Amino acid sequence: MERFFAAIQTRDHAAIAACYCEDATFEDIAFRLEGRRSIHTMWRMIAGSDMRVDYNIVSAAERQGEARWTADYTFRKNPDAKGRPIQNKVRSTFTFRDGLIARQVDHCDALRWALQAMGPLLGVLSWMFPSVRRRVARQRLENSPRKRRSILEVRACRLRRLNQAEKCWLLRLNRPGFVGNCNQSAGTGR
């Protein structure tokens, strides 16, 4: 646990990710993640922030542990936004396997966090509808630069496997106003 929190304090996302089992799970008020790769993507996004962490390890045994920590950072809805200061007090419970984190569950005051991050109106709505909060968090994670690149790489790979007729069909589907003639280049004659 010391290694984990030391990596968080230095915002070293690779070192943080190395503390998790390959099939680890992570859950907090915003995310439900499975697998080291997904958890690493989240920590990479967080490590790019101005987060500062103080922690206290409450218990650490071979199979379980608990820590209380405070994260101070600026929450931004998008990279260009001014942002809002956050102080998030977290209680983390850990399950370990082979010296690595197999499961981490973070608990905090969701209403307090939401009010700080989004202000009174959106904060209360975010607190009342956790599924919306999780969807927004998932979208932020998917739009992080590293994740966006990997998604685009997968899409490009899939697109290369399509024949010309399938590409034309997708073009029409994604651009309702498209009136071009794909038939000649596709050679389908339809």
C-alpha atoms as a PDB file:
ATOM      1  CA  MET A   1       0.000   0.000   0.000  1.00  0.00           C
ATOM      2  CA  GLU A   2       2.915   2.343   0.677  1.00  0.00           C
ATOM      3  CA  ARG A   3       4.162   1.803  -2.887  1.00  0.00           C
ATOM      4  CA  PHE A   4       0.644   2.484  -4.247  1.00  0.00           C
ATOM      5  CA  PHE A   5       0.205   5.777  -2.373  1.00  0.00           C
ATOM      6  CA  ALA A   6       3.777   6.886  -3.068  1.00  0.00           C
ATOM      7  CA  ALA A   7       3.038   6.419  -6.793  1.00  0.00           C
ATOM      8  CA  ILE A   8      -0.203   8.402  -6.422  1.00  0.00           C
ATOM      9  CA  GLN A   9       1.660  11.225  -4.662  1.00  0.00           C
ATOM     10  CA  THR A  10       4.137  11.462  -7.545  1.00  0.00           C
ATOM     11  CA  ARG A  11       1.307  10.961 -10.093  1.00  0.00           C
ATOM     12  CA  ASP A  12       3.223   8.101 -11.727  1.00  0.00           C
ATOM     13  CA  HIS A  13       0.351   6.332 -13.515  1.00  0.00           C
ATOM     14  CA  ALA A  14       2.498   3.415 -14.701  1.00  0.00           C
ATOM     15  CA  ALA A  15       3.703   2.711 -11.156  1.00  0.00           C
ATOM     16  CA  ILE A  16       0.127   2.991  -9.850  1.00  0.00           C
ATOM     17  CA  ALA A  17      -1.125   0.532 -12.488  1.00  0.00           C
ATOM     18  CA  ALA A  18       1.685  -1.894 -11.645  1.00  0.00           C
ATOM     19  CA  CYS A  19       0.157  -2.261  -8.160  1.00  0.00           C
ATOM     20  CA  TYR A  20      -2.946  -3.980  -9.605  1.00  0.00           C
ATOM     21  CA  CYS A  21      -3.535  -7.586 -10.668  1.00  0.00           C
ATOM     22  CA  GLU A  22      -4.215  -8.074 -14.380  1.00  0.00           C
ATOM     23  CA  ASP A  23      -7.895  -8.860 -13.617  1.00  0.00           C
ATOM     24  CA  ALA A  24      -8.330  -6.269 -10.834  1.00  0.00           C
ATOM     25  CA  THR A  25     -11.534  -4.303 -10.287  1.00  0.00           C
ATOM     26  CA  PHE A  26     -11.944  -0.697  -9.174  1.00  0.00           C
ATOM     27  CA  GLU A  27     -15.080   1.083  -8.023  1.00  0.00           C
ATOM     28  CA  ASP A  28     -15.832   4.567  -6.753  1.00  0.00           C
ATOM     29  CA  ILE A  29     -18.627   7.128  -7.152  1.00  0.00           C
ATOM     30  CA  ALA A  30     -17.699   7.683 -10.791  1.00  0.00           C
ATOM     31  CA  PHE A  31     -16.156   4.477 -12.153  1.00  0.00           C
ATOM     32  CA  ARG A  32     -16.669   0.738 -12.206  1.00  0.00           C
ATOM     33  CA  LEU A  33     -13.628  -0.633 -13.972  1.00  0.00           C
ATOM     34  CA  GLU A  34     -12.415  -4.127 -14.715  1.00  0.00           C
ATOM     35  CA  GLY A  35      -8.856  -5.039 -15.619  1.00  0.00           C
ATOM     36  CA  ARG A  36      -5.514  -3.354 -15.064  1.00  0.00           C
ATOM     37  CA  ARG A  37      -5.649  -1.722 -18.490  1.00  0.00           C
ATOM     38  CA  SER A  38      -8.916   0.130 -17.767  1.00  0.00           C
ATOM     39  CA  ILE A  39      -7.741   1.101 -14.301  1.00  0.00           C
ATOM     40  CA  HIS A  40      -4.449   2.346 -15.781  1.00  0.00           C
ATOM     41  CA  THR A  41      -6.371   4.530 -18.261  1.00  0.00           C
ATOM     42  CA  MET A  42      -8.238   6.134 -15.352  1.00  0.00           C
ATOM     43  CA  TRP A  43      -5.050   6.754 -13.360  1.00  0.00           C
ATOM     44  CA  ARG A  44      -3.328   8.163 -16.469  1.00  0.00           C
ATOM     45  CA  MET A  45      -6.148  10.704 -16.781  1.00  0.00           C
ATOM     46  CA  ILE A  46      -5.983  11.565 -13.064  1.00  0.00           C
ATOM     47  CA  ALA A  47      -2.175  11.747 -13.050  1.00  0.00           C
ATOM     48  CA  GLY A  48      -2.390  14.521 -15.629  1.00  0.00           C
ATOM     49  CA  SER A  49      -4.139  16.730 -13.080  1.00  0.00           C
ATOM     50  CA  ASP A  50      -2.788  18.871 -10.257  1.00  0.00           C
ATOM     51  CA  MET A  51      -3.826  16.317  -7.595  1.00  0.00           C
ATOM     52  CA  ARG A  52      -2.113  16.343  -4.216  1.00  0.00           C
ATOM     53  CA  VAL A  53      -2.682  13.455  -1.801  1.00  0.00           C
ATOM     54  CA  ASP A  54      -2.279  12.893   1.931  1.00  0.00           C
ATOM     55  CA  TYR A  55      -2.950   9.385   3.211  1.00  0.00           C
ATOM     56  CA  ASN A  56      -3.145   7.233   6.303  1.00  0.00           C
ATOM     57  CA  ILE A  57      -3.012   3.454   6.083  1.00  0.00           C
ATOM     58  CA  VAL A  58      -5.556   2.204   8.617  1.00  0.00           C
ATOM     59  CA  SER A  59      -4.827  -1.499   8.200  1.00  0.00           C
ATOM     60  CA  ALA A  60      -2.700  -3.630   5.927  1.00  0.00           C
ATOM     61  CA  ALA A  61      -2.800  -7.414   6.042  1.00  0.00           C
ATOM     62  CA  GLU A  62      -1.896 -10.085   3.517  1.00  0.00           C
ATOM     63  CA  ARG A  63      -5.369 -10.236   1.957  1.00  0.00           C
ATOM     64  CA  GLN A  64      -7.083  -6.965   2.928  1.00  0.00           C
ATOM     65  CA  GLY A  65      -6.330  -3.374   3.714  1.00  0.00           C
ATOM     66  CA  GLU A  66      -7.915  -0.011   4.333  1.00  0.00           C
ATOM     67  CA  ALA A  67      -6.700   3.546   3.917  1.00  0.00           C
ATOM     68  CA  ARG A  68      -8.132   6.999   4.407  1.00  0.00           C
ATOM     69  CA  TRP A  69      -6.836   9.684   2.149  1.00  0.00           C
ATOM     70  CA  THR A  70      -7.559  13.200   0.985  1.00  0.00           C
ATOM     71  CA  ALA A  71      -7.176  14.284  -2.616  1.00  0.00           C
ATOM     72  CA  ASP A  72      -6.968  18.002  -3.411  1.00  0.00           C
ATOM     73  CA  TYR A  73      -7.220  18.875  -7.099  1.00  0.00           C
ATOM     74  CA  THR A  74      -8.942  21.037  -9.686  1.00  0.00           C
ATOM     75  CA  PHE A  75     -11.971  19.502 -11.397  1.00  0.00           C
ATOM     76  CA  ARG A  76     -12.385  20.541 -15.017  1.00  0.00           C
ATOM     77  CA  LYS A  77     -15.342  19.581 -17.194  1.00  0.00           C
ATOM     78  CA  ASN A  78     -12.995  19.861 -20.153  1.00  0.00           C
ATOM     79  CA  PRO A  79      -9.283  20.668 -20.494  1.00  0.00           C
ATOM     80  CA  ASP A  80      -9.930  24.318 -21.416  1.00  0.00           C
ATOM     81  CA  ALA A  81     -12.289  25.023 -18.500  1.00  0.00           C
ATOM     82  CA  LYS A  82     -11.181  27.122 -15.524  1.00  0.00           C
ATOM     83  CA  GLY A  83     -12.032  24.362 -13.072  1.00  0.00           C
ATOM     84  CA  ARG A  84     -13.224  24.136  -9.500  1.00  0.00           C
ATOM     85  CA  PRO A  85     -11.149  23.258  -6.421  1.00  0.00           C
ATOM     86  CA  ILE A  86     -11.975  19.867  -4.897  1.00  0.00           C
ATOM     87  CA  GLN A  87     -11.091  18.345  -1.567  1.00  0.00           C
ATOM     88  CA  ASN A  88     -12.221  14.725  -1.613  1.00  0.00           C
ATOM     89  CA  LYS A  89     -11.956  12.626   1.550  1.00  0.00           C
ATOM     90  CA  VAL A  90     -11.810   8.956   0.584  1.00  0.00           C
ATOM     91  CA  ARG A  91     -11.929   5.653   2.436  1.00  0.00           C
ATOM     92  CA  SER A  92     -10.456   2.884   0.303  1.00  0.00           C
ATOM     93  CA  THR A  93     -10.853  -0.808   0.979  1.00  0.00           C
ATOM     94  CA  PHE A  94      -8.499  -3.215  -0.736  1.00  0.00           C
ATOM     95  CA  THR A  95      -8.418  -6.922  -1.408  1.00  0.00           C
ATOM     96  CA  PHE A  96      -4.973  -8.277  -2.275  1.00  0.00           C
ATOM     97  CA  ARG A  97      -3.803 -11.316  -4.214  1.00  0.00           C
ATOM     98  CA  ASP A  98      -0.159 -12.252  -4.692  1.00  0.00           C
ATOM     99  CA  GLY A  99       0.936  -8.900  -3.252  1.00  0.00           C
ATOM    100  CA  LEU A 100      -1.134  -6.881  -5.756  1.00  0.00           C
ATOM    101  CA  ILE A 101      -4.491  -5.107  -5.551  1.00  0.00           C
ATOM    102  CA  ALA A 102      -7.237  -7.453  -6.766  1.00  0.00           C
ATOM    103  CA  ARG A 103     -10.125  -5.163  -5.796  1.00  0.00           C
ATOM    104  CA  GLN A 104     -10.335  -1.549  -4.687  1.00  0.00           C
ATOM    105  CA  VAL A 105     -13.503   0.181  -3.574  1.00  0.00           C
ATOM    106  CA  ASP A 106     -13.354   3.887  -2.786  1.00  0.00           C
ATOM    107  CA  HIS A 107     -16.020   5.500  -0.617  1.00  0.00           C
ATOM    108  CA  CYS A 108     -16.588   9.229  -0.282  1.00  0.00           C
ATOM    109  CA  ASP A 109     -19.385  11.724   0.257  1.00  0.00           C
ATOM    110  CA  ALA A 110     -20.839  11.852  -3.260  1.00  0.00           C
ATOM    111  CA  LEU A 111     -22.985  14.916  -2.531  1.00  0.00           C
ATOM    112  CA  ARG A 112     -20.056  16.899  -1.105  1.00  0.00           C
ATOM    113  CA  TRP A 113     -17.911  15.978  -4.121  1.00  0.00           C
ATOM    114  CA  ALA A 114     -20.669  16.846  -6.617  1.00  0.00           C
ATOM    115  CA  LEU A 115     -21.390  20.223  -5.014  1.00  0.00           C
ATOM    116  CA  GLN A 116     -17.697  21.132  -5.169  1.00  0.00           C
ATOM    117  CA  ALA A 117     -17.260  19.876  -8.733  1.00  0.00           C
ATOM    118  CA  MET A 118     -20.469  21.117 -10.339  1.00  0.00           C
ATOM    119  CA  GLY A 119     -22.062  23.710  -8.093  1.00  0.00           C
ATOM    120  CA  PRO A 120     -25.447  23.545  -6.364  1.00  0.00           C
ATOM    121  CA  LEU A 121     -27.885  22.647  -9.148  1.00  0.00           C
ATOM    122  CA  LEU A 122     -25.814  20.230 -11.235  1.00  0.00           C
ATOM    123  CA  GLY A 123     -24.187  18.881  -8.084  1.00  0.00           C
ATOM    124  CA  VAL A 124     -27.503  17.837  -6.551  1.00  0.00           C
ATOM    125  CA  LEU A 125     -28.646  16.349  -9.872  1.00  0.00           C
ATOM    126  CA  SER A 126     -25.380  14.423 -10.169  1.00  0.00           C
ATOM    127  CA  TRP A 127     -25.812  13.132  -6.632  1.00  0.00           C
ATOM    128  CA  MET A 128     -29.453  12.146  -7.224  1.00  0.00           C
ATOM    129  CA  PHE A 129     -28.684  10.277 -10.458  1.00  0.00           C
ATOM    130  CA  PRO A 130     -25.483   8.250  -9.995  1.00  0.00           C
ATOM    131  CA  SER A 131     -25.967   6.532 -13.356  1.00  0.00           C
ATOM    132  CA  VAL A 132     -25.628   9.922 -15.088  1.00  0.00           C
ATOM    133  CA  ARG A 133     -22.503  10.674 -13.028  1.00  0.00           C
ATOM    134  CA  ARG A 134     -20.989   7.334 -14.071  1.00  0.00           C
ATOM    135  CA  ARG A 135     -21.880   7.892 -17.735  1.00  0.00           C
ATOM    136  CA  VAL A 136     -20.237  11.332 -17.737  1.00  0.00           C
ATOM    137  CA  ALA A 137     -17.135   9.872 -16.049  1.00  0.00           C
ATOM    138  CA  ARG A 138     -16.994   7.054 -18.615  1.00  0.00           C
ATOM    139  CA  GLN A 139     -17.241   9.617 -21.439  1.00  0.00           C
ATOM    140  CA  ARG A 140     -14.409  11.675 -19.911  1.00  0.00           C
ATOM    141  CA  LEU A 141     -12.306   8.543 -19.678  1.00  0.00           C
ATOM    142  CA  GLU A 142     -13.073   7.593 -23.274  1.00  0.00           C
ATOM    143  CA  ASN A 143     -12.223  11.116 -24.411  1.00  0.00           C
ATOM    144  CA  SER A 144      -8.887  11.219 -22.625  1.00  0.00           C
ATOM    145  CA  PRO A 145      -6.097  11.615 -25.217  1.00  0.00           C
ATOM    146  CA  ARG A 146      -4.577   8.145 -24.743  1.00  0.00           C
ATOM    147  CA  LYS A 147      -7.937   6.347 -24.716  1.00  0.00           C
ATOM    148  CA  ARG A 148      -9.195   8.359 -27.694  1.00  0.00           C
ATOM    149  CA  ARG A 149      -6.133   7.308 -29.688  1.00  0.00           C
ATOM    150  CA  SER A 150      -6.627   3.616 -28.872  1.00  0.00           C
ATOM    151  CA  ILE A 151     -10.332   3.797 -29.796  1.00  0.00           C
ATOM    152  CA  LEU A 152      -9.445   5.460 -33.102  1.00  0.00           C
ATOM    153  CA  GLU A 153      -6.822   2.794 -33.777  1.00  0.00           C
ATOM    154  CA  VAL A 154      -9.414   0.046 -33.251  1.00  0.00           C
ATOM    155  CA  ARG A 155     -11.916   1.819 -35.497  1.00  0.00           C
ATOM    156  CA  ALA A 156      -9.293   2.302 -38.221  1.00  0.00           C
ATOM    157  CA  CYS A 157      -8.370  -1.375 -38.039  1.00  0.00           C
ATOM    158  CA  ARG A 158     -12.027  -2.378 -38.360  1.00  0.00           C
ATOM    159  CA  LEU A 159     -12.526   0.051 -41.233  1.00  0.00           C
ATOM    160  CA  ARG A 160      -9.583  -1.413 -43.154  1.00  0.00           C
ATOM    161  CA  ARG A 161     -11.335  -4.800 -43.049  1.00  0.00           C
ATOM    162  CA  LEU A 162     -14.527  -3.467 -44.647  1.00  0.00           C
ATOM    163  CA  ASN A 163     -15.087  -3.737 -48.369  1.00  0.00           C
ATOM    164  CA  GLN A 164     -16.032  -0.654 -50.386  1.00  0.00           C
ATOM    165  CA  ALA A 165     -19.798  -1.337 -50.282  1.00  0.00           C
ATOM    166  CA  GLU A 166     -19.726  -1.579 -46.493  1.00  0.00           C
ATOM    167  CA  LYS A 167     -17.728   1.645 -46.253  1.00  0.00           C
ATOM    168  CA  CYS A 168     -20.277   3.418 -48.439  1.00  0.00           C
ATOM    169  CA  TRP A 169     -23.145   2.115 -46.324  1.00  0.00           C
ATOM    170  CA  LEU A 170     -21.433   3.421 -43.168  1.00  0.00           C
ATOM    171  CA  LEU A 171     -20.827   6.784 -44.823  1.00  0.00           C
ATOM    172  CA  ARG A 172     -24.523   7.107 -45.680  1.00  0.00           C
ATOM    173  CA  LEU A 173     -25.533   5.967 -42.191  1.00  0.00           C
ATOM    174  CA  ASN A 174     -23.280   8.496 -40.440  1.00  0.00           C
ATOM    175  CA  ARG A 175     -24.029  11.359 -42.831  1.00  0.00           C
ATOM    176  CA  PRO A 176     -27.768  11.460 -43.531  1.00  0.00           C
ATOM    177  CA  GLY A 177     -27.360  14.210 -46.151  1.00  0.00           C
ATOM    178  CA  PHE A 178     -24.804  12.203 -48.161  1.00  0.00           C
ATOM    179  CA  VAL A 179     -25.947  11.846 -51.777  1.00  0.00           C
ATOM    180  CA  GLY A 180     -22.719  10.699 -53.400  1.00  0.00           C
ATOM    181  CA  ASN A 181     -22.619   7.669 -55.649  1.00  0.00           C
ATOM    182  CA  CYS A 182     -20.731   4.841 -54.017  1.00  0.00           C
ATOM    183  CA  ASN A 183     -21.980   2.248 -56.462  1.00  0.00           C
ATOM    184  CA  GLN A 184     -19.355   2.904 -59.132  1.00  0.00           C
ATOM    185  CA  SER A 185     -16.385   2.764 -56.771  1.00  0.00           C
ATOM    186  CA  ALA A 186     -17.865  -0.155 -54.843  1.00  0.00           C
ATOM    187  CA  GLY A 187     -18.576  -2.124 -57.971  1.00  0.00           C
ATOM    188  CA  THR A 188     -21.824  -3.433 -56.522  1.00  0.00           C
ATOM    189  CA  GLY A 189     -24.148  -2.104 -59.246  1.00  0.00           C
ATOM    190  CA  ARG A 190     -26.883  -1.417 -56.685  1.00  0.00           C
END
